N, C-alpha and C. Protein backbone atom coordinates (compact mmCIF):
# COMPACT_ATOMS: atom_id res chain seq x y z
N MET A 1 -90.74 114.77 -25.69
CA MET A 1 -90.34 115.37 -26.55
C MET A 1 -89.27 114.27 -27.41
N VAL A 2 -89.30 114.49 -28.67
CA VAL A 2 -89.15 113.03 -29.61
C VAL A 2 -87.93 113.37 -29.35
N ASP A 3 -86.29 112.53 -29.39
CA ASP A 3 -84.94 113.00 -29.51
C ASP A 3 -84.17 112.90 -30.63
N ILE A 4 -85.05 111.88 -31.36
CA ILE A 4 -84.37 111.15 -32.97
C ILE A 4 -86.00 111.10 -33.91
N VAL A 5 -85.97 111.04 -34.68
CA VAL A 5 -87.08 110.61 -35.73
C VAL A 5 -86.63 110.15 -36.62
N VAL A 6 -86.58 108.92 -36.98
CA VAL A 6 -86.74 108.35 -38.41
C VAL A 6 -87.83 108.00 -39.40
N ASN A 7 -87.55 108.05 -40.87
CA ASN A 7 -88.43 107.67 -41.99
C ASN A 7 -88.22 106.69 -41.98
N PHE A 8 -88.30 105.32 -42.25
CA PHE A 8 -87.95 104.28 -43.50
C PHE A 8 -89.17 104.48 -44.28
N ASP A 9 -88.15 104.50 -45.67
CA ASP A 9 -88.84 104.45 -46.67
C ASP A 9 -89.28 103.36 -47.35
N THR A 10 -88.20 102.13 -47.37
CA THR A 10 -88.43 100.97 -47.87
C THR A 10 -88.68 99.94 -46.78
N LEU A 11 -88.87 98.98 -47.43
CA LEU A 11 -88.73 97.86 -46.42
C LEU A 11 -87.82 96.89 -45.98
N HIS A 12 -87.11 97.31 -47.07
CA HIS A 12 -85.15 96.63 -47.33
C HIS A 12 -84.59 98.27 -46.12
N GLN A 13 -85.17 99.33 -45.87
CA GLN A 13 -84.33 99.75 -45.04
C GLN A 13 -85.24 99.19 -43.47
N LEU A 14 -86.59 98.97 -43.32
CA LEU A 14 -86.90 98.81 -41.79
C LEU A 14 -86.14 97.32 -41.86
N TYR A 15 -86.40 96.01 -43.13
CA TYR A 15 -85.61 94.92 -42.04
C TYR A 15 -83.74 95.66 -42.14
N ARG A 16 -82.95 96.47 -42.77
CA ARG A 16 -82.36 96.03 -41.39
C ARG A 16 -81.75 96.75 -40.59
N ALA A 17 -83.09 98.07 -40.53
CA ALA A 17 -82.79 98.40 -39.09
C ALA A 17 -83.42 97.16 -38.40
N TYR A 18 -84.55 96.37 -39.01
CA TYR A 18 -84.74 95.56 -37.42
C TYR A 18 -84.32 94.90 -36.41
N MET A 19 -83.78 94.89 -34.94
CA MET A 19 -83.36 93.90 -34.39
C MET A 19 -84.59 93.16 -32.74
N PRO A 20 -84.22 91.65 -34.12
CA PRO A 20 -85.30 90.78 -33.55
C PRO A 20 -84.94 90.42 -32.60
N PHE A 21 -83.32 89.99 -32.87
CA PHE A 21 -82.63 89.85 -30.73
C PHE A 21 -82.57 90.51 -29.63
N ILE A 22 -83.14 91.64 -30.30
CA ILE A 22 -83.76 92.27 -29.16
C ILE A 22 -85.10 91.78 -28.12
N GLN A 23 -84.79 91.96 -26.87
CA GLN A 23 -85.81 91.22 -26.39
C GLN A 23 -87.16 92.63 -25.96
N PRO A 24 -87.84 93.44 -25.88
CA PRO A 24 -88.75 92.23 -26.69
C PRO A 24 -89.17 93.12 -27.88
N ALA A 25 -88.13 94.15 -28.39
CA ALA A 25 -87.61 94.41 -30.26
C ALA A 25 -86.73 95.20 -30.11
N GLY A 26 -86.04 95.74 -30.96
CA GLY A 26 -85.27 96.81 -31.18
C GLY A 26 -85.44 97.58 -32.43
N LEU A 27 -84.60 98.86 -32.53
CA LEU A 27 -84.48 98.91 -34.17
C LEU A 27 -83.04 99.66 -33.72
N PHE A 28 -82.04 100.27 -35.21
CA PHE A 28 -81.06 100.61 -35.18
C PHE A 28 -81.47 101.13 -36.50
N VAL A 29 -80.45 102.87 -35.47
CA VAL A 29 -80.96 104.26 -35.99
C VAL A 29 -79.92 104.67 -36.48
N THR A 30 -79.38 105.23 -38.14
CA THR A 30 -78.81 105.56 -38.10
C THR A 30 -78.28 106.92 -37.53
N THR A 31 -77.19 107.13 -37.06
CA THR A 31 -76.73 108.85 -36.49
C THR A 31 -75.41 109.38 -36.98
N SER A 32 -74.63 109.93 -36.32
CA SER A 32 -73.45 109.84 -36.17
C SER A 32 -73.48 110.99 -35.29
N GLU A 33 -73.79 111.03 -34.41
CA GLU A 33 -74.30 111.71 -33.47
C GLU A 33 -73.64 110.81 -32.17
N THR A 34 -73.59 111.61 -30.43
CA THR A 34 -73.07 110.51 -29.44
C THR A 34 -73.53 110.38 -28.90
N HIS A 35 -74.06 109.09 -28.31
CA HIS A 35 -74.54 108.39 -27.89
C HIS A 35 -73.78 107.48 -26.86
N TYR A 36 -74.64 107.02 -26.03
CA TYR A 36 -74.02 106.01 -25.26
C TYR A 36 -74.97 104.73 -24.62
N LEU A 37 -74.38 103.51 -24.05
CA LEU A 37 -74.82 102.04 -23.32
C LEU A 37 -75.63 103.16 -22.36
N GLY A 38 -77.75 102.53 -21.87
CA GLY A 38 -77.78 103.10 -21.59
C GLY A 38 -78.42 104.13 -21.55
N GLN A 39 -78.51 104.67 -22.44
CA GLN A 39 -78.54 106.36 -22.37
C GLN A 39 -80.64 106.53 -23.00
N GLU A 40 -81.35 106.71 -22.35
CA GLU A 40 -82.66 106.84 -22.58
C GLU A 40 -83.55 107.48 -23.82
N LEU A 41 -83.83 107.19 -24.96
CA LEU A 41 -84.49 108.03 -25.49
C LEU A 41 -86.04 108.56 -25.89
N SER A 42 -86.44 109.36 -26.90
CA SER A 42 -87.59 109.53 -27.22
C SER A 42 -87.55 109.07 -28.59
N ILE A 43 -88.10 108.40 -29.17
CA ILE A 43 -87.97 107.70 -30.95
C ILE A 43 -88.89 108.44 -31.18
N ALA A 44 -89.71 108.73 -32.74
CA ALA A 44 -90.62 108.25 -33.92
C ALA A 44 -89.90 107.87 -34.46
N TYR A 45 -90.64 106.91 -35.56
CA TYR A 45 -90.67 106.59 -36.70
C TYR A 45 -91.56 106.43 -37.79
N GLN A 46 -91.57 106.40 -38.53
CA GLN A 46 -92.56 106.55 -39.65
C GLN A 46 -92.63 104.63 -41.03
N LEU A 47 -93.35 104.21 -40.65
CA LEU A 47 -92.96 102.65 -41.56
C LEU A 47 -93.03 103.55 -42.82
N PRO A 48 -92.79 102.43 -43.62
CA PRO A 48 -92.65 102.32 -45.24
C PRO A 48 -94.45 102.21 -45.60
N GLY A 49 -94.64 102.87 -47.00
CA GLY A 49 -96.42 103.19 -47.14
C GLY A 49 -97.26 103.60 -46.26
N SER A 50 -96.74 104.52 -44.81
CA SER A 50 -97.54 104.66 -43.61
C SER A 50 -97.17 106.64 -43.50
N THR A 51 -97.83 107.22 -43.05
CA THR A 51 -97.94 109.03 -42.75
C THR A 51 -97.98 108.67 -41.92
N VAL A 52 -98.61 107.59 -40.48
CA VAL A 52 -98.73 107.68 -38.70
C VAL A 52 -97.28 107.52 -38.71
N LYS A 53 -96.91 108.54 -37.58
CA LYS A 53 -95.37 108.78 -36.89
C LYS A 53 -95.86 107.62 -35.55
N HIS A 54 -95.01 106.93 -35.17
CA HIS A 54 -95.69 106.07 -34.22
C HIS A 54 -94.29 106.73 -33.57
N GLU A 55 -94.75 106.87 -31.86
CA GLU A 55 -93.60 107.07 -30.85
C GLU A 55 -93.23 106.21 -29.80
N PHE A 56 -91.84 106.14 -28.67
CA PHE A 56 -91.95 104.75 -27.95
C PHE A 56 -90.62 105.47 -26.78
N LEU A 57 -90.19 104.95 -26.22
CA LEU A 57 -89.45 105.04 -25.61
C LEU A 57 -88.48 103.88 -25.62
N GLY A 58 -87.37 104.69 -25.53
CA GLY A 58 -86.26 102.90 -25.71
C GLY A 58 -84.84 103.42 -25.27
N VAL A 59 -84.29 102.54 -25.34
CA VAL A 59 -82.42 102.50 -24.31
C VAL A 59 -81.85 101.77 -25.19
N VAL A 60 -80.48 103.46 -25.51
CA VAL A 60 -79.52 101.93 -26.27
C VAL A 60 -78.73 101.34 -25.49
N VAL A 61 -78.72 99.66 -26.71
CA VAL A 61 -77.92 98.42 -26.68
C VAL A 61 -76.87 97.97 -27.17
N TRP A 62 -76.70 99.12 -27.47
CA TRP A 62 -75.94 98.60 -29.13
C TRP A 62 -75.20 99.98 -29.46
N ILE A 63 -74.09 99.93 -30.00
CA ILE A 63 -73.54 101.29 -30.93
C ILE A 63 -72.70 100.95 -32.11
N ASN A 64 -72.95 101.14 -33.20
CA ASN A 64 -72.05 100.54 -34.41
C ASN A 64 -71.10 102.24 -34.25
N PRO A 65 -69.93 102.25 -34.50
CA PRO A 65 -69.32 103.16 -34.08
C PRO A 65 -68.70 103.33 -35.65
N LEU A 66 -68.14 104.82 -35.98
CA LEU A 66 -67.99 105.32 -37.37
C LEU A 66 -66.96 104.34 -37.58
N GLY A 67 -66.88 103.95 -39.48
CA GLY A 67 -65.93 102.54 -39.35
C GLY A 67 -65.88 101.45 -38.88
N ALA A 68 -67.10 101.02 -38.93
CA ALA A 68 -67.40 99.75 -38.05
C ALA A 68 -67.12 99.08 -39.62
N SER A 69 -67.19 97.11 -38.85
CA SER A 69 -66.39 96.04 -40.07
C SER A 69 -67.70 96.19 -40.71
N GLY A 70 -67.35 95.49 -41.88
CA GLY A 70 -68.23 95.26 -42.69
C GLY A 70 -69.43 96.13 -43.26
N GLY A 71 -68.50 97.56 -43.17
CA GLY A 71 -69.55 98.73 -44.09
C GLY A 71 -70.36 98.71 -43.18
N ARG A 72 -70.41 98.85 -41.70
CA ARG A 72 -72.03 99.35 -41.19
C ARG A 72 -72.26 100.32 -41.06
N PRO A 73 -73.29 101.33 -40.58
CA PRO A 73 -74.11 102.54 -40.44
C PRO A 73 -73.26 102.93 -39.14
N ALA A 74 -72.64 103.92 -39.35
CA ALA A 74 -72.65 104.55 -37.22
C ALA A 74 -74.13 104.44 -36.81
N GLY A 75 -74.40 104.11 -36.44
CA GLY A 75 -75.50 104.44 -35.63
C GLY A 75 -75.78 103.70 -33.87
N ILE A 76 -77.34 103.42 -32.99
CA ILE A 76 -76.65 103.36 -31.98
C ILE A 76 -78.50 102.21 -32.25
N GLY A 77 -78.29 101.30 -31.31
CA GLY A 77 -79.55 99.69 -31.61
C GLY A 77 -80.27 100.52 -30.40
N VAL A 78 -81.46 100.61 -30.19
CA VAL A 78 -82.32 101.58 -29.38
C VAL A 78 -83.58 100.15 -28.69
N LYS A 79 -83.25 99.36 -27.77
CA LYS A 79 -84.38 98.47 -26.94
C LYS A 79 -85.92 99.34 -26.78
N ILE A 80 -87.01 98.98 -27.41
CA ILE A 80 -88.38 100.08 -27.23
C ILE A 80 -88.38 99.09 -25.86
N VAL A 81 -88.72 100.36 -24.99
CA VAL A 81 -89.38 100.07 -24.00
C VAL A 81 -90.38 99.86 -23.71
N SER A 82 -91.59 101.19 -24.15
CA SER A 82 -92.80 101.75 -24.12
C SER A 82 -93.91 100.68 -24.78
N ASP A 83 -94.65 99.85 -24.48
CA ASP A 83 -95.74 99.67 -26.12
C ASP A 83 -95.11 98.86 -26.81
N ALA A 84 -93.98 97.72 -25.78
CA ALA A 84 -93.03 97.15 -27.73
C ALA A 84 -93.63 95.91 -27.85
N SER A 85 -94.91 95.57 -27.25
CA SER A 85 -95.89 94.16 -27.91
C SER A 85 -96.39 94.80 -28.96
N THR A 86 -96.47 96.13 -29.11
CA THR A 86 -97.29 96.96 -30.11
C THR A 86 -96.59 98.10 -31.21
N HIS A 87 -95.04 97.69 -30.65
CA HIS A 87 -94.67 98.12 -31.95
C HIS A 87 -93.90 97.52 -33.14
N LYS A 88 -93.54 96.16 -31.62
CA LYS A 88 -93.13 95.13 -32.85
C LYS A 88 -94.29 93.70 -33.29
N HIS A 89 -95.05 94.04 -33.22
CA HIS A 89 -96.33 93.28 -34.73
C HIS A 89 -96.37 94.65 -35.57
N HIS A 90 -96.55 95.95 -35.47
CA HIS A 90 -96.38 96.77 -36.15
C HIS A 90 -95.31 96.19 -37.80
N ILE A 91 -94.03 96.37 -37.02
CA ILE A 91 -92.99 96.02 -37.40
C ILE A 91 -93.20 94.67 -38.25
N GLU A 92 -92.45 93.63 -37.08
CA GLU A 92 -93.25 91.96 -37.75
C GLU A 92 -94.40 91.66 -38.88
N ASN A 93 -95.74 92.60 -39.10
CA ASN A 93 -96.12 92.61 -40.06
C ASN A 93 -96.04 92.14 -41.14
N LEU A 94 -95.03 93.95 -41.31
CA LEU A 94 -94.65 94.19 -42.39
C LEU A 94 -93.34 93.56 -43.01
N LEU A 95 -92.56 92.81 -41.89
CA LEU A 95 -91.86 92.23 -42.48
C LEU A 95 -91.47 90.42 -42.36
N SER A 96 -93.43 90.36 -42.68
CA SER A 96 -93.59 89.00 -42.35
C SER A 96 -92.33 87.81 -43.64
N ARG A 97 -92.55 88.59 -44.49
CA ARG A 97 -91.80 87.18 -45.63
C ARG A 97 -90.00 87.48 -45.26
N GLU A 98 -89.66 88.92 -44.63
CA GLU A 98 -88.10 89.38 -45.33
C GLU A 98 -87.25 88.93 -43.58
N LEU A 99 -88.15 88.34 -42.34
CA LEU A 99 -87.66 87.77 -41.32
C LEU A 99 -86.61 86.62 -41.39
N ALA A 100 -86.82 85.91 -42.59
CA ALA A 100 -86.01 84.61 -42.92
C ALA A 100 -85.09 84.81 -43.89
N SER A 101 -84.31 85.50 -44.45
CA SER A 101 -84.12 86.50 -44.77
C SER A 101 -82.70 86.47 -44.72
N SER A 102 -81.22 86.53 -45.35
CA SER A 102 -80.14 85.78 -45.08
C SER A 102 -79.41 87.42 -45.08
N ASP A 103 -80.10 88.50 -46.10
CA ASP A 103 -79.64 89.87 -46.08
C ASP A 103 -78.39 89.89 -44.99
N LEU A 104 -77.94 90.85 -44.91
CA LEU A 104 -77.22 91.68 -44.02
C LEU A 104 -77.93 92.90 -43.25
N THR A 105 -77.84 92.87 -42.08
CA THR A 105 -78.01 94.17 -41.38
C THR A 105 -77.57 94.90 -41.42
N CYS A 106 -77.84 95.94 -40.63
CA CYS A 106 -77.17 97.33 -40.08
C CYS A 106 -76.50 96.96 -38.51
N THR A 107 -76.89 95.65 -38.22
CA THR A 107 -75.73 95.42 -36.80
C THR A 107 -75.55 94.00 -37.24
N MET A 108 -75.56 93.04 -37.51
CA MET A 108 -75.16 91.32 -37.22
C MET A 108 -75.85 90.63 -38.63
């Protein structure tokens, strides 16, 4: 059962959601639902330009509350636990040019 479904329509959305400082990898999910640190979730996501839904099991490691500083959206950062290297590879291949950007993300 999938707890959350995320569609990344653009590379910019994916860049803002990717959390490379979470090892091995993490994604930020915009949500107004209540979650807690350490909560386990099943996430399905679709990358820009793809029709394939990827799924992983993850753990909540970051929370942006409503009204977070810097105008950041409410949501959660989820550490990718299952098959993390494959997900990281797919995401970083798409973001290869953007990873060195200084643009703000949803978390930092």
